[in-house]
Amino acid sequence: MTPDICHGKPCVAGTAVDVATVVGTLGIGKSFHDVQEALNLTYEQVLTALRYASYVTDHLPLRLPSGR
């Protein structure tokens, strides 16, 4: 992650496409192929973004509200 690229957000290597955009585009129902075309990414780049998102959600601690 680099502050000058994607405002410091995790992005696909060699691009200015952030991982959240890849996941979000799939999440609104676009096909894998549509994501590749719209964001100018390879099949492997889309998979890598999904793997990263999966890793982060599985390994970062969950922060819950204090309930106050």
Protein backbone atom coordinates (compact mmCIF):
# COMPACT_ATOMS: atom_id res chain seq x y z
CA MET A 1 0.00 0.00 0.00
CA THR A 2 1.33 3.37 -1.03
CA PRO A 3 -0.24 6.71 -0.09
CA ASP A 4 0.22 7.99 -3.65
CA ILE A 5 -1.70 5.09 -5.20
CA CYS A 6 -5.38 4.48 -4.42
CA HIS A 7 -5.13 6.89 -1.47
CA GLY A 8 -3.20 4.25 0.46
CA LYS A 9 -5.88 1.56 0.05
CA PRO A 10 -4.87 -1.95 -1.02
CA CYS A 11 -4.84 -2.09 -4.80
CA VAL A 12 -4.16 -4.56 -7.56
CA ALA A 13 -0.41 -4.62 -8.28
CA GLY A 14 0.60 -2.49 -11.23
CA THR A 15 -2.76 -0.70 -11.39
CA ALA A 16 -4.66 2.08 -9.67
CA VAL A 17 -7.64 -0.23 -9.03
CA ASP A 18 -8.34 -0.78 -5.36
CA VAL A 19 -9.40 -4.16 -3.99
CA ALA A 20 -12.66 -2.74 -2.64
CA THR A 21 -13.69 -1.72 -6.16
CA VAL A 22 -13.09 -5.25 -7.46
CA VAL A 23 -15.05 -6.85 -4.62
CA GLY A 24 -17.79 -4.22 -4.74
CA THR A 25 -18.27 -4.59 -8.47
CA LEU A 26 -18.68 -8.34 -8.09
CA GLY A 27 -20.94 -7.72 -5.10
CA ILE A 28 -23.43 -5.71 -7.14
CA GLY A 29 -23.86 -8.66 -9.47
CA LYS A 30 -21.41 -7.99 -12.27
CA SER A 31 -19.88 -11.11 -13.76
CA PHE A 32 -16.23 -12.00 -13.39
CA HIS A 33 -15.74 -11.23 -17.08
CA ASP A 34 -17.51 -7.86 -16.72
CA VAL A 35 -15.14 -6.92 -13.90
CA GLN A 36 -12.14 -7.86 -16.00
CA GLU A 37 -13.39 -5.77 -18.91
CA ALA A 38 -14.59 -2.75 -16.92
CA LEU A 39 -11.46 -2.48 -14.76
CA ASN A 40 -8.99 -3.69 -17.40
CA LEU A 41 -7.75 -6.54 -15.20
CA THR A 42 -6.58 -10.05 -15.97
CA TYR A 43 -8.28 -13.13 -14.60
CA GLU A 44 -5.39 -13.63 -12.18
CA GLN A 45 -5.54 -10.01 -10.97
CA VAL A 46 -9.22 -10.37 -10.08
CA LEU A 47 -8.52 -13.65 -8.27
CA THR A 48 -5.64 -12.07 -6.38
CA ALA A 49 -7.88 -9.21 -5.23
CA LEU A 50 -10.45 -11.72 -3.98
CA ARG A 51 -7.78 -13.77 -2.20
CA TYR A 52 -6.50 -10.63 -0.51
CA ALA A 53 -9.99 -9.60 0.60
CA SER A 54 -10.60 -13.11 1.96
CA TYR A 55 -7.30 -13.09 3.84
CA VAL A 56 -7.94 -9.69 5.38
CA THR A 57 -11.45 -10.55 6.56
CA ASP A 58 -10.19 -13.81 8.04
CA HIS A 59 -7.09 -12.43 9.79
CA LEU A 60 -7.86 -8.92 10.98
CA PRO A 61 -9.35 -8.60 14.45
CA LEU A 62 -13.03 -7.81 14.56
CA ARG A 63 -13.80 -4.52 16.29
CA LEU A 64 -17.18 -4.55 17.94
CA PRO A 65 -18.88 -1.52 19.49
CA SER A 66 -18.41 -1.28 23.24
CA GLY A 67 -22.16 -1.48 23.85
CA ARG A 68 -22.28 1.64 25.99
